[in-house]
Amino acid sequence: MKQKIRIGIVGYGNLGKGAELAINNQPDMELVAIFSRRKLNSTASGVPAVSVDDAAQYQDKIDVMLLCGGSATDLVNQGPQFATLFNTVDSFDTHAKIPQYFAAMDQAAKAAGKAVTISVGWDPGLFSLNRLLAGAVLPQGTDYTFWGKGVSQGHSDAIRRIPGVKDGKQYTIPKDEIITAVRAGQQVSATSQESHIRDCYIVAEQGADHSAIETAIKTMPNYFVGYETHVTFISEEEFAKNHSQIPHGGFVFRSGHTSQGTNHVLEFALRLDSNPEFTSSVLAAYARATFRLASHGFKGAATVFDIPYAWLSPKSGEELRKDLL
C-alpha cells in the first residue's frame, strides 16, 4: 500500500481545527501531530499535541506542515521560520503584503531546500485563480469581486475592542442591486465601499451608551468609514442562538466582450457554512500539491498560480481524464 502523506498542523484555533477535519477527510493523508504555543491537553483526533518549540524534532516525520496562524502577527514570523524546517502551506491573506511575504518565504525555503506554497484559501486562492482564468479568456473586460454574506473576523475583533461592547460580530454583505447589474453584463463603476454593507450585531455591557458605541463603529477609520453600516443591539441569548457560526462566501465576475456587441460574463461563487473549515480544506488539497512539488525537486515558494490543477487531486492522470475531462 502506498505510504500516506504525513501532515502536521501549526496552530489550533478555528483554522487549525478545520485543518484537522480536512486532513481526516483526505484518503491519502495522515495527521501526525498538532503544534501549538498553548499547552493542549488533547486534540479532537487524538494525535499528539506538541509545543511549537519542539517542532524541529519532527523534521523526518512530517512531509508537509500546514501553518494555520493569522496573517497579521503569526505567519510573518512563523512562515519563514518553519520554511527552514518543513515543506509548508499557509493562508497568508494580507493582499498588499503578499509580494513581500513571498520574497521572505522564497529565500528561506530555497536556503533550506524546501517547497512552500503561500496564500492558499479562497481569496487569495480560488478567487485568484478565477480572476486569472477569466482575464486570460476575456482580455477585454473588467473584474468584479464581492465578499459575503459572511463574518469578517478582523472587523468583528475591531468592534469587540470598543469600550462597552461585551460581544459583537460583523457581516460583510454585497449589495444585491450591484451584483444583479454585473451579472447582467452592465459596466459598474462602484467601489468596494459602495458595493458592500457592513452589518454589526452588538451585545452591550450593562449600562453602556448604545449611541456612543454606534458612533465609534461608524467612524472607525480603515474599517467602517465610507461604508453603509448598520448597528443592531441584541441580547446575549439572541447572539448565542443566531450568531455563533462563521459563514462566508462571495462572487468573482469577469464581464467582457469578444467583438462589438458580443458580451460575456464569467461567474464563480462560494456559499460557505464555515469559513475556516472550507479554507482549511483548500489548504489540505494544496498540501498534496506541495508534496508533489517537493518530490519533483522544486525548492522555494509557489502560489496557486504555479501549481497544476491535477496535482490537487488524489486521482491519477488516467482517472482524471476518464472521470472529469
C-alpha atoms as a PDB file:
ATOM      1  CA  MET A   1       0.000   0.000   0.000  1.00  0.00           C
ATOM      2  CA  LYS A   2       1.288   3.456  -0.929  1.00  0.00           C
ATOM      3  CA  GLN A   3       2.510   5.446   2.073  1.00  0.00           C
ATOM      4  CA  LYS A   4       0.238   8.324   3.037  1.00  0.00           C
ATOM      5  CA  ILE A   5       1.371  11.940   3.010  1.00  0.00           C
ATOM      6  CA  ARG A   6       2.316  12.835   6.571  1.00  0.00           C
ATOM      7  CA  ILE A   7       0.835  16.154   7.709  1.00  0.00           C
ATOM      8  CA  GLY A   8       1.447  18.443  10.682  1.00  0.00           C
ATOM      9  CA  ILE A   9      -0.608  21.446  11.768  1.00  0.00           C
ATOM     10  CA  VAL A  10       0.743  24.579  13.445  1.00  0.00           C
ATOM     11  CA  GLY A  11      -1.967  26.424  15.373  1.00  0.00           C
ATOM     12  CA  TYR A  12      -5.135  25.056  16.923  1.00  0.00           C
ATOM     13  CA  GLY A  13      -7.620  27.892  16.552  1.00  0.00           C
ATOM     14  CA  ASN A  14     -10.586  27.835  14.162  1.00  0.00           C
ATOM     15  CA  LEU A  15      -8.403  27.231  11.093  1.00  0.00           C
ATOM     16  CA  GLY A  16      -6.268  24.578  12.780  1.00  0.00           C
ATOM     17  CA  LYS A  17      -9.325  22.690  13.976  1.00  0.00           C
ATOM     18  CA  GLY A  18     -10.741  22.898  10.456  1.00  0.00           C
ATOM     19  CA  ALA A  19      -7.463  21.531   9.084  1.00  0.00           C
ATOM     20  CA  GLU A  20      -7.699  18.600  11.486  1.00  0.00           C
ATOM     21  CA  LEU A  21     -11.089  17.738   9.990  1.00  0.00           C
ATOM     22  CA  ALA A  22      -9.881  18.315   6.431  1.00  0.00           C
ATOM     23  CA  ILE A  23      -6.866  16.003   6.714  1.00  0.00           C
ATOM     24  CA  ASN A  24      -9.020  13.232   8.114  1.00  0.00           C
ATOM     25  CA  ASN A  25     -11.284  13.601   5.044  1.00  0.00           C
ATOM     26  CA  GLN A  26      -8.398  13.036   2.626  1.00  0.00           C
ATOM     27  CA  PRO A  27      -7.823   9.412   1.532  1.00  0.00           C
ATOM     28  CA  ASP A  28      -4.061   9.695   1.045  1.00  0.00           C
ATOM     29  CA  MET A  29      -3.072  11.743   4.103  1.00  0.00           C
ATOM     30  CA  GLU A  30      -2.441  11.105   7.774  1.00  0.00           C
ATOM     31  CA  LEU A  31      -2.200  13.660  10.548  1.00  0.00           C
ATOM     32  CA  VAL A  32       0.958  13.214  12.625  1.00  0.00           C
ATOM     33  CA  ALA A  33       0.777  15.976  15.241  1.00  0.00           C
ATOM     34  CA  ILE A  34      -0.647  19.389  16.087  1.00  0.00           C
ATOM     35  CA  PHE A  35       1.772  22.097  17.239  1.00  0.00           C
ATOM     36  CA  SER A  36       0.690  24.994  19.433  1.00  0.00           C
ATOM     37  CA  ARG A  37       2.122  27.762  21.578  1.00  0.00           C
ATOM     38  CA  ARG A  38      -0.600  26.939  24.085  1.00  0.00           C
ATOM     39  CA  LYS A  39      -0.447  23.839  26.269  1.00  0.00           C
ATOM     40  CA  LEU A  40      -3.026  21.461  24.804  1.00  0.00           C
ATOM     41  CA  ASN A  41      -4.252  18.568  26.915  1.00  0.00           C
ATOM     42  CA  SER A  42      -5.644  16.714  23.919  1.00  0.00           C
ATOM     43  CA  THR A  43      -6.752  17.008  20.293  1.00  0.00           C
ATOM     44  CA  ALA A  44     -10.087  16.078  18.729  1.00  0.00           C
ATOM     45  CA  SER A  45      -8.478  13.433  16.521  1.00  0.00           C
ATOM     46  CA  GLY A  46      -6.274  12.016  19.243  1.00  0.00           C
ATOM     47  CA  VAL A  47      -2.951  12.875  17.589  1.00  0.00           C
ATOM     48  CA  PRO A  48      -0.204  14.255  19.846  1.00  0.00           C
ATOM     49  CA  ALA A  49      -0.336  17.904  20.886  1.00  0.00           C
ATOM     50  CA  VAL A  50       3.215  19.260  20.740  1.00  0.00           C
ATOM     51  CA  SER A  51       4.805  22.573  21.657  1.00  0.00           C
ATOM     52  CA  VAL A  52       5.931  24.615  18.652  1.00  0.00           C
ATOM     53  CA  ASP A  53       9.316  24.790  20.325  1.00  0.00           C
ATOM     54  CA  ASP A  54       9.722  21.059  19.697  1.00  0.00           C
ATOM     55  CA  ALA A  55       8.691  21.122  16.026  1.00  0.00           C
ATOM     56  CA  ALA A  56      12.241  20.609  14.742  1.00  0.00           C
ATOM     57  CA  GLN A  57      12.222  17.126  16.270  1.00  0.00           C
ATOM     58  CA  TYR A  58       9.580  16.143  13.691  1.00  0.00           C
ATOM     59  CA  GLN A  59      11.506  17.071  10.548  1.00  0.00           C
ATOM     60  CA  ASP A  60      11.807  13.473   9.352  1.00  0.00           C
ATOM     61  CA  LYS A  61       8.266  12.570  10.442  1.00  0.00           C
ATOM     62  CA  ILE A  62       6.254  15.200   8.520  1.00  0.00           C
ATOM     63  CA  ASP A  63       6.075  15.689   4.751  1.00  0.00           C
ATOM     64  CA  VAL A  64       4.064  18.935   4.741  1.00  0.00           C
ATOM     65  CA  MET A  65       3.271  21.346   7.571  1.00  0.00           C
ATOM     66  CA  LEU A  66       0.055  23.393   7.443  1.00  0.00           C
ATOM     67  CA  LEU A  67       0.570  26.819   9.021  1.00  0.00           C
ATOM     68  CA  CYS A  68      -2.769  27.872  10.500  1.00  0.00           C
ATOM     69  CA  GLY A  69      -1.858  31.087  12.296  1.00  0.00           C
ATOM     70  CA  GLY A  70      -3.098  34.576  11.488  1.00  0.00           C
ATOM     71  CA  SER A  71      -1.525  36.744   8.805  1.00  0.00           C
ATOM     72  CA  ALA A  72      -1.033  39.902  10.852  1.00  0.00           C
ATOM     73  CA  THR A  73       1.336  38.617  13.528  1.00  0.00           C
ATOM     74  CA  ASP A  74       1.742  34.828  13.269  1.00  0.00           C
ATOM     75  CA  LEU A  75       2.630  33.957   9.683  1.00  0.00           C
ATOM     76  CA  VAL A  76       5.014  36.846   9.084  1.00  0.00           C
ATOM     77  CA  ASN A  77       7.277  35.273  11.711  1.00  0.00           C
ATOM     78  CA  GLN A  78       6.290  31.604  11.679  1.00  0.00           C
ATOM     79  CA  GLY A  79       6.264  31.282   7.895  1.00  0.00           C
ATOM     80  CA  PRO A  80       9.994  31.858   7.242  1.00  0.00           C
ATOM     81  CA  GLN A  81      10.864  30.028  10.468  1.00  0.00           C
ATOM     82  CA  PHE A  82       9.020  26.844   9.504  1.00  0.00           C
ATOM     83  CA  ALA A  83      10.136  27.104   5.861  1.00  0.00           C
ATOM     84  CA  THR A  84      13.665  26.334   7.079  1.00  0.00           C
ATOM     85  CA  LEU A  85      12.415  23.048   8.577  1.00  0.00           C
ATOM     86  CA  PHE A  86       9.477  21.764   6.504  1.00  0.00           C
ATOM     87  CA  ASN A  87       7.614  21.938   3.239  1.00  0.00           C
ATOM     88  CA  THR A  88       4.715  24.220   4.193  1.00  0.00           C
ATOM     89  CA  VAL A  89       1.321  25.544   3.083  1.00  0.00           C
ATOM     90  CA  ASP A  90      -0.250  28.687   4.544  1.00  0.00           C
ATOM     91  CA  SER A  91      -3.191  31.038   4.055  1.00  0.00           C
ATOM     92  CA  PHE A  92      -1.431  34.412   4.263  1.00  0.00           C
ATOM     93  CA  ASP A  93      -4.188  36.793   3.159  1.00  0.00           C
ATOM     94  CA  THR A  94      -2.934  40.365   3.537  1.00  0.00           C
ATOM     95  CA  HIS A  95      -3.167  41.057  -0.207  1.00  0.00           C
ATOM     96  CA  ALA A  96      -0.977  44.176  -0.269  1.00  0.00           C
ATOM     97  CA  LYS A  97       1.877  42.391   1.526  1.00  0.00           C
ATOM     98  CA  ILE A  98       1.869  39.141  -0.482  1.00  0.00           C
ATOM     99  CA  PRO A  99       4.877  40.110  -2.691  1.00  0.00           C
ATOM    100  CA  GLN A 100       6.948  40.931   0.407  1.00  0.00           C
ATOM    101  CA  TYR A 101       5.864  37.725   2.181  1.00  0.00           C
ATOM    102  CA  PHE A 102       6.538  35.644  -0.940  1.00  0.00           C
ATOM    103  CA  ALA A 103      10.094  37.000  -1.131  1.00  0.00           C
ATOM    104  CA  ALA A 104      10.784  36.149   2.514  1.00  0.00           C
ATOM    105  CA  MET A 105       9.350  32.641   2.146  1.00  0.00           C
ATOM    106  CA  ASP A 106      11.157  32.031  -1.146  1.00  0.00           C
ATOM    107  CA  GLN A 107      14.502  32.998   0.358  1.00  0.00           C
ATOM    108  CA  ALA A 108      14.021  30.827   3.461  1.00  0.00           C
ATOM    109  CA  ALA A 109      12.754  27.799   1.528  1.00  0.00           C
ATOM    110  CA  LYS A 110      15.475  27.911  -1.125  1.00  0.00           C
ATOM    111  CA  ALA A 111      18.182  28.134   1.524  1.00  0.00           C
ATOM    112  CA  ALA A 112      16.753  25.065   3.278  1.00  0.00           C
ATOM    113  CA  GLY A 113      15.865  23.121   0.127  1.00  0.00           C
ATOM    114  CA  LYS A 114      12.127  23.139   0.913  1.00  0.00           C
ATOM    115  CA  ALA A 115       8.964  23.686  -1.144  1.00  0.00           C
ATOM    116  CA  VAL A 116       6.376  26.083   0.286  1.00  0.00           C
ATOM    117  CA  THR A 117       3.029  27.291  -1.065  1.00  0.00           C
ATOM    118  CA  ILE A 118       1.715  30.593   0.250  1.00  0.00           C
ATOM    119  CA  SER A 119      -1.617  32.461   0.301  1.00  0.00           C
ATOM    120  CA  VAL A 120      -3.823  29.403  -0.175  1.00  0.00           C
ATOM    121  CA  GLY A 121      -7.544  29.676   0.535  1.00  0.00           C
ATOM    122  CA  TRP A 122     -10.478  31.150  -1.321  1.00  0.00           C
ATOM    123  CA  ASP A 123      -9.343  34.788  -1.507  1.00  0.00           C
ATOM    124  CA  PRO A 124      -6.445  34.819  -2.056  1.00  0.00           C
ATOM    125  CA  GLY A 125      -6.570  31.363  -3.623  1.00  0.00           C
ATOM    126  CA  LEU A 126      -9.555  30.059  -5.559  1.00  0.00           C
ATOM    127  CA  PHE A 127     -10.815  33.573  -6.358  1.00  0.00           C
ATOM    128  CA  SER A 128      -7.321  34.470  -7.573  1.00  0.00           C
ATOM    129  CA  LEU A 129      -7.331  31.515  -9.964  1.00  0.00           C
ATOM    130  CA  ASN A 130     -10.704  32.532 -11.350  1.00  0.00           C
ATOM    131  CA  ARG A 131      -9.572  36.121 -11.878  1.00  0.00           C
ATOM    132  CA  LEU A 132      -6.526  34.825 -13.760  1.00  0.00           C
ATOM    133  CA  LEU A 133      -8.518  32.365 -15.878  1.00  0.00           C
ATOM    134  CA  ALA A 134     -11.274  34.811 -16.780  1.00  0.00           C
ATOM    135  CA  GLY A 135      -8.818  37.588 -17.619  1.00  0.00           C
ATOM    136  CA  ALA A 136      -6.851  35.278 -19.898  1.00  0.00           C
ATOM    137  CA  VAL A 137     -10.003  34.204 -21.747  1.00  0.00           C
ATOM    138  CA  LEU A 138     -11.552  37.692 -21.908  1.00  0.00           C
ATOM    139  CA  PRO A 139      -8.688  40.200 -22.142  1.00  0.00           C
ATOM    140  CA  GLN A 140     -11.201  42.935 -22.997  1.00  0.00           C
ATOM    141  CA  GLY A 141     -13.151  43.098 -19.749  1.00  0.00           C
ATOM    142  CA  THR A 142     -13.443  44.032 -16.096  1.00  0.00           C
ATOM    143  CA  ASP A 143     -13.082  42.003 -12.888  1.00  0.00           C
ATOM    144  CA  TYR A 144     -15.550  42.324 -10.019  1.00  0.00           C
ATOM    145  CA  THR A 145     -15.105  40.679  -6.617  1.00  0.00           C
ATOM    146  CA  PHE A 146     -17.752  40.632  -3.900  1.00  0.00           C
ATOM    147  CA  TRP A 147     -17.321  39.219  -0.391  1.00  0.00           C
ATOM    148  CA  GLY A 148     -20.168  37.872   1.720  1.00  0.00           C
ATOM    149  CA  LYS A 149     -22.629  37.452   3.101  1.00  0.00           C
ATOM    150  CA  GLY A 150     -20.174  36.415   5.734  1.00  0.00           C
ATOM    151  CA  VAL A 151     -18.446  37.129   9.005  1.00  0.00           C
ATOM    152  CA  SER A 152     -15.404  39.383   8.820  1.00  0.00           C
ATOM    153  CA  GLN A 153     -13.258  38.140  11.689  1.00  0.00           C
ATOM    154  CA  GLY A 154     -10.984  41.194  11.631  1.00  0.00           C
ATOM    155  CA  HIS A 155     -13.865  43.669  11.713  1.00  0.00           C
ATOM    156  CA  SER A 156     -15.617  41.632  14.391  1.00  0.00           C
ATOM    157  CA  ASP A 157     -12.475  41.784  16.516  1.00  0.00           C
ATOM    158  CA  ALA A 158     -12.314  45.557  15.987  1.00  0.00           C
ATOM    159  CA  ILE A 159     -15.843  46.190  17.245  1.00  0.00           C
ATOM    160  CA  ARG A 160     -15.315  43.929  20.252  1.00  0.00           C
ATOM    161  CA  ARG A 161     -12.481  46.223  21.353  1.00  0.00           C
ATOM    162  CA  ILE A 162     -14.783  49.249  21.636  1.00  0.00           C
ATOM    163  CA  PRO A 163     -15.488  50.218  25.275  1.00  0.00           C
ATOM    164  CA  GLY A 164     -18.918  48.997  26.353  1.00  0.00           C
ATOM    165  CA  VAL A 165     -19.059  46.105  23.853  1.00  0.00           C
ATOM    166  CA  LYS A 166     -19.342  42.710  25.527  1.00  0.00           C
ATOM    167  CA  ASP A 167     -19.529  40.754  22.280  1.00  0.00           C
ATOM    168  CA  GLY A 168     -20.054  41.501  18.629  1.00  0.00           C
ATOM    169  CA  LYS A 169     -19.968  40.199  15.103  1.00  0.00           C
ATOM    170  CA  GLN A 170     -19.780  41.987  11.755  1.00  0.00           C
ATOM    171  CA  TYR A 171     -21.153  40.625   8.498  1.00  0.00           C
ATOM    172  CA  THR A 172     -19.968  41.866   5.108  1.00  0.00           C
ATOM    173  CA  ILE A 173     -22.896  41.831   2.672  1.00  0.00           C
ATOM    174  CA  PRO A 174     -22.626  42.602  -1.052  1.00  0.00           C
ATOM    175  CA  LYS A 175     -25.400  44.807  -2.411  1.00  0.00           C
ATOM    176  CA  ASP A 176     -27.846  42.767  -4.462  1.00  0.00           C
ATOM    177  CA  GLU A 177     -28.550  45.510  -6.977  1.00  0.00           C
ATOM    178  CA  ILE A 178     -24.872  45.833  -7.902  1.00  0.00           C
ATOM    179  CA  ILE A 179     -24.408  42.059  -8.251  1.00  0.00           C
ATOM    180  CA  THR A 180     -27.542  41.933 -10.417  1.00  0.00           C
ATOM    181  CA  ALA A 181     -26.169  44.658 -12.685  1.00  0.00           C
ATOM    182  CA  VAL A 182     -22.777  42.928 -13.048  1.00  0.00           C
ATOM    183  CA  ARG A 183     -24.429  39.564 -13.680  1.00  0.00           C
ATOM    184  CA  ALA A 184     -26.459  41.192 -16.464  1.00  0.00           C
ATOM    185  CA  GLY A 185     -23.257  42.342 -18.163  1.00  0.00           C
ATOM    186  CA  GLN A 186     -23.559  46.008 -17.240  1.00  0.00           C
ATOM    187  CA  GLN A 187     -20.399  48.033 -16.632  1.00  0.00           C
ATOM    188  CA  VAL A 188     -20.418  49.077 -12.972  1.00  0.00           C
ATOM    189  CA  SER A 189     -18.060  51.680 -11.533  1.00  0.00           C
ATOM    190  CA  ALA A 190     -18.930  51.203  -7.840  1.00  0.00           C
ATOM    191  CA  THR A 191     -16.033  50.969  -5.386  1.00  0.00           C
ATOM    192  CA  SER A 192     -15.676  48.170  -2.835  1.00  0.00           C
ATOM    193  CA  GLN A 193     -17.132  50.527  -0.217  1.00  0.00           C
ATOM    194  CA  GLU A 194     -20.117  51.333  -2.415  1.00  0.00           C
ATOM    195  CA  SER A 195     -20.678  47.650  -3.236  1.00  0.00           C
ATOM    196  CA  HIS A 196     -20.902  46.267   0.310  1.00  0.00           C
ATOM    197  CA  ILE A 197     -22.870  46.754   3.513  1.00  0.00           C
ATOM    198  CA  ARG A 198     -21.337  46.215   6.940  1.00  0.00           C
ATOM    199  CA  ASP A 199     -23.917  44.740   9.333  1.00  0.00           C
ATOM    200  CA  CYS A 200     -22.961  44.737  13.034  1.00  0.00           C
ATOM    201  CA  TYR A 201     -24.655  42.840  15.869  1.00  0.00           C
ATOM    202  CA  ILE A 202     -23.658  44.034  19.317  1.00  0.00           C
ATOM    203  CA  VAL A 203     -24.100  42.719  22.847  1.00  0.00           C
ATOM    204  CA  ALA A 204     -23.504  45.760  25.035  1.00  0.00           C
ATOM    205  CA  GLU A 205     -22.264  45.809  28.602  1.00  0.00           C
ATOM    206  CA  GLN A 206     -24.949  46.663  31.127  1.00  0.00           C
ATOM    207  CA  GLY A 207     -25.366  50.425  31.294  1.00  0.00           C
ATOM    208  CA  ALA A 208     -23.232  51.080  28.209  1.00  0.00           C
ATOM    209  CA  ASP A 209     -24.072  54.022  25.965  1.00  0.00           C
ATOM    210  CA  HIS A 210     -25.529  52.489  22.790  1.00  0.00           C
ATOM    211  CA  SER A 211     -25.302  55.745  20.882  1.00  0.00           C
ATOM    212  CA  ALA A 212     -21.605  56.153  21.701  1.00  0.00           C
ATOM    213  CA  ILE A 213     -20.883  52.562  20.608  1.00  0.00           C
ATOM    214  CA  GLU A 214     -22.703  53.057  17.311  1.00  0.00           C
ATOM    215  CA  THR A 215     -20.812  56.296  16.657  1.00  0.00           C
ATOM    216  CA  ALA A 216     -17.484  54.638  17.469  1.00  0.00           C
ATOM    217  CA  ILE A 217     -18.218  51.874  14.972  1.00  0.00           C
ATOM    218  CA  LYS A 218     -19.394  54.070  12.124  1.00  0.00           C
ATOM    219  CA  THR A 219     -16.472  56.497  12.487  1.00  0.00           C
ATOM    220  CA  MET A 220     -13.750  53.839  12.763  1.00  0.00           C
ATOM    221  CA  PRO A 221     -11.176  54.578  10.026  1.00  0.00           C
ATOM    222  CA  ASN A 222      -9.981  51.746   7.734  1.00  0.00           C
ATOM    223  CA  TYR A 223     -12.883  49.584   8.867  1.00  0.00           C
ATOM    224  CA  PHE A 224     -16.274  51.309   8.582  1.00  0.00           C
ATOM    225  CA  VAL A 225     -15.821  54.858   7.335  1.00  0.00           C
ATOM    226  CA  GLY A 226     -17.233  55.112   3.813  1.00  0.00           C
ATOM    227  CA  TYR A 227     -19.416  52.009   4.106  1.00  0.00           C
ATOM    228  CA  GLU A 228     -23.148  51.766   4.616  1.00  0.00           C
ATOM    229  CA  THR A 229     -23.019  50.430   8.175  1.00  0.00           C
ATOM    230  CA  HIS A 230     -25.901  49.077  10.248  1.00  0.00           C
ATOM    231  CA  VAL A 231     -25.622  48.526  14.013  1.00  0.00           C
ATOM    232  CA  THR A 232     -28.131  46.342  15.873  1.00  0.00           C
ATOM    233  CA  PHE A 233     -28.062  45.739  19.626  1.00  0.00           C
ATOM    234  CA  ILE A 234     -29.193  42.292  20.760  1.00  0.00           C
ATOM    235  CA  SER A 235     -29.186  40.127  23.878  1.00  0.00           C
ATOM    236  CA  GLU A 236     -26.564  37.534  24.742  1.00  0.00           C
ATOM    237  CA  GLU A 237     -29.180  34.833  24.240  1.00  0.00           C
ATOM    238  CA  GLU A 238     -30.004  36.001  20.700  1.00  0.00           C
ATOM    239  CA  PHE A 239     -26.299  36.369  19.909  1.00  0.00           C
ATOM    240  CA  ALA A 240     -25.583  32.796  21.024  1.00  0.00           C
ATOM    241  CA  LYS A 241     -28.590  31.448  19.121  1.00  0.00           C
ATOM    242  CA  ASN A 242     -28.177  33.272  15.800  1.00  0.00           C
ATOM    243  CA  HIS A 243     -24.552  34.433  15.558  1.00  0.00           C
ATOM    244  CA  SER A 244     -22.344  31.597  16.810  1.00  0.00           C
ATOM    245  CA  GLN A 245     -21.265  30.352  13.366  1.00  0.00           C
ATOM    246  CA  ILE A 246     -18.619  31.671  10.940  1.00  0.00           C
ATOM    247  CA  PRO A 247     -20.237  31.619   7.478  1.00  0.00           C
ATOM    248  CA  HIS A 248     -18.758  33.379   4.470  1.00  0.00           C
ATOM    249  CA  GLY A 249     -18.573  33.317   0.701  1.00  0.00           C
ATOM    250  CA  GLY A 250     -18.600  35.626  -2.265  1.00  0.00           C
ATOM    251  CA  PHE A 251     -18.545  36.079  -6.017  1.00  0.00           C
ATOM    252  CA  VAL A 252     -15.952  36.710  -8.706  1.00  0.00           C
ATOM    253  CA  PHE A 253     -17.115  38.036 -12.078  1.00  0.00           C
ATOM    254  CA  ARG A 254     -15.394  38.879 -15.333  1.00  0.00           C
ATOM    255  CA  SER A 255     -17.548  40.899 -17.693  1.00  0.00           C
ATOM    256  CA  GLY A 256     -16.080  41.357 -21.151  1.00  0.00           C
ATOM    257  CA  HIS A 257     -16.585  41.279 -24.896  1.00  0.00           C
ATOM    258  CA  THR A 258     -15.029  39.484 -27.860  1.00  0.00           C
ATOM    259  CA  SER A 259     -16.444  41.792 -30.554  1.00  0.00           C
ATOM    260  CA  GLN A 260     -18.627  44.858 -30.700  1.00  0.00           C
ATOM    261  CA  GLY A 261     -21.947  43.972 -29.065  1.00  0.00           C
ATOM    262  CA  THR A 262     -20.907  40.399 -28.211  1.00  0.00           C
ATOM    263  CA  ASN A 263     -20.656  40.292 -24.424  1.00  0.00           C
ATOM    264  CA  HIS A 264     -19.879  37.511 -21.924  1.00  0.00           C
ATOM    265  CA  VAL A 265     -19.962  37.107 -18.140  1.00  0.00           C
ATOM    266  CA  LEU A 266     -17.965  34.525 -16.200  1.00  0.00           C
ATOM    267  CA  GLU A 267     -19.063  33.919 -12.592  1.00  0.00           C
ATOM    268  CA  PHE A 268     -17.616  31.905  -9.719  1.00  0.00           C
ATOM    269  CA  ALA A 269     -19.493  31.786  -6.418  1.00  0.00           C
ATOM    270  CA  LEU A 270     -18.995  30.327  -2.939  1.00  0.00           C
ATOM    271  CA  ARG A 271     -21.520  29.912  -0.116  1.00  0.00           C
ATOM    272  CA  LEU A 272     -19.781  28.592   2.978  1.00  0.00           C
ATOM    273  CA  ASP A 273     -21.336  27.447   6.248  1.00  0.00           C
ATOM    274  CA  SER A 274     -17.884  27.611   7.859  1.00  0.00           C
ATOM    275  CA  ASN A 275     -15.132  29.842   6.529  1.00  0.00           C
ATOM    276  CA  PRO A 276     -12.311  28.116   8.477  1.00  0.00           C
ATOM    277  CA  GLU A 277     -13.453  24.578   7.617  1.00  0.00           C
ATOM    278  CA  PHE A 278     -13.599  25.399   3.899  1.00  0.00           C
ATOM    279  CA  THR A 279     -10.336  27.357   3.882  1.00  0.00           C
ATOM    280  CA  SER A 280      -8.544  24.500   5.616  1.00  0.00           C
ATOM    281  CA  SER A 281      -9.959  22.078   3.041  1.00  0.00           C
ATOM    282  CA  VAL A 282      -8.242  24.151   0.351  1.00  0.00           C
ATOM    283  CA  LEU A 283      -5.037  24.006   2.405  1.00  0.00           C
ATOM    284  CA  ALA A 284      -5.284  20.208   2.524  1.00  0.00           C
ATOM    285  CA  ALA A 285      -5.569  19.912  -1.264  1.00  0.00           C
ATOM    286  CA  TYR A 286      -2.549  22.181  -1.710  1.00  0.00           C
ATOM    287  CA  ALA A 287      -0.611  20.115   0.830  1.00  0.00           C
ATOM    288  CA  ARG A 288      -0.842  17.250  -1.676  1.00  0.00           C
ATOM    289  CA  ALA A 289       0.338  19.528  -4.479  1.00  0.00           C
ATOM    290  CA  THR A 290       3.190  20.862  -2.357  1.00  0.00           C
ATOM    291  CA  PHE A 291       4.285  17.314  -1.545  1.00  0.00           C
ATOM    292  CA  ARG A 292       4.385  16.640  -5.299  1.00  0.00           C
ATOM    293  CA  LEU A 293       6.313  19.859  -5.921  1.00  0.00           C
ATOM    294  CA  ALA A 294       8.921  18.765  -3.400  1.00  0.00           C
ATOM    295  CA  SER A 295       9.012  15.265  -4.884  1.00  0.00           C
ATOM    296  CA  HIS A 296       9.870  16.799  -8.267  1.00  0.00           C
ATOM    297  CA  GLY A 297      12.795  18.691  -6.743  1.00  0.00           C
ATOM    298  CA  PHE A 298      11.216  22.143  -6.530  1.00  0.00           C
ATOM    299  CA  LYS A 299      12.806  24.457  -3.953  1.00  0.00           C
ATOM    300  CA  GLY A 300      11.384  27.826  -2.958  1.00  0.00           C
ATOM    301  CA  ALA A 301       7.976  29.476  -2.764  1.00  0.00           C
ATOM    302  CA  ALA A 302       4.980  28.923  -5.029  1.00  0.00           C
ATOM    303  CA  THR A 303       1.433  30.254  -5.216  1.00  0.00           C
ATOM    304  CA  VAL A 304      -1.799  28.831  -6.579  1.00  0.00           C
ATOM    305  CA  PHE A 305      -0.779  30.251  -9.975  1.00  0.00           C
ATOM    306  CA  ASP A 306       2.220  27.906 -10.179  1.00  0.00           C
ATOM    307  CA  ILE A 307       0.579  24.557  -9.444  1.00  0.00           C
ATOM    308  CA  PRO A 308      -1.215  22.324 -11.971  1.00  0.00           C
ATOM    309  CA  TYR A 309      -4.796  21.576 -11.014  1.00  0.00           C
ATOM    310  CA  ALA A 310      -4.137  17.855 -11.439  1.00  0.00           C
ATOM    311  CA  TRP A 311      -1.701  17.915  -8.527  1.00  0.00           C
ATOM    312  CA  LEU A 312      -4.520  18.918  -6.165  1.00  0.00           C
ATOM    313  CA  SER A 313      -6.354  15.640  -6.697  1.00  0.00           C
ATOM    314  CA  PRO A 314      -5.520  12.206  -5.282  1.00  0.00           C
ATOM    315  CA  LYS A 315      -6.608  10.719  -8.621  1.00  0.00           C
ATOM    316  CA  SER A 316      -4.116   9.692 -11.286  1.00  0.00           C
ATOM    317  CA  GLY A 317      -3.933  11.421 -14.648  1.00  0.00           C
ATOM    318  CA  GLU A 318      -5.675   8.444 -16.228  1.00  0.00           C
ATOM    319  CA  GLU A 319      -8.513   8.641 -13.694  1.00  0.00           C
ATOM    320  CA  LEU A 320      -8.889  12.378 -14.172  1.00  0.00           C
ATOM    321  CA  ARG A 321      -9.091  12.058 -17.956  1.00  0.00           C
ATOM    322  CA  LYS A 322     -11.681   9.301 -17.664  1.00  0.00           C
ATOM    323  CA  ASP A 323     -13.820  10.780 -14.881  1.00  0.00           C
ATOM    324  CA  LEU A 324     -13.617  14.540 -15.270  1.00  0.00           C
ATOM    325  CA  LEU A 325     -12.365  15.562 -18.697  1.00  0.00           C
END
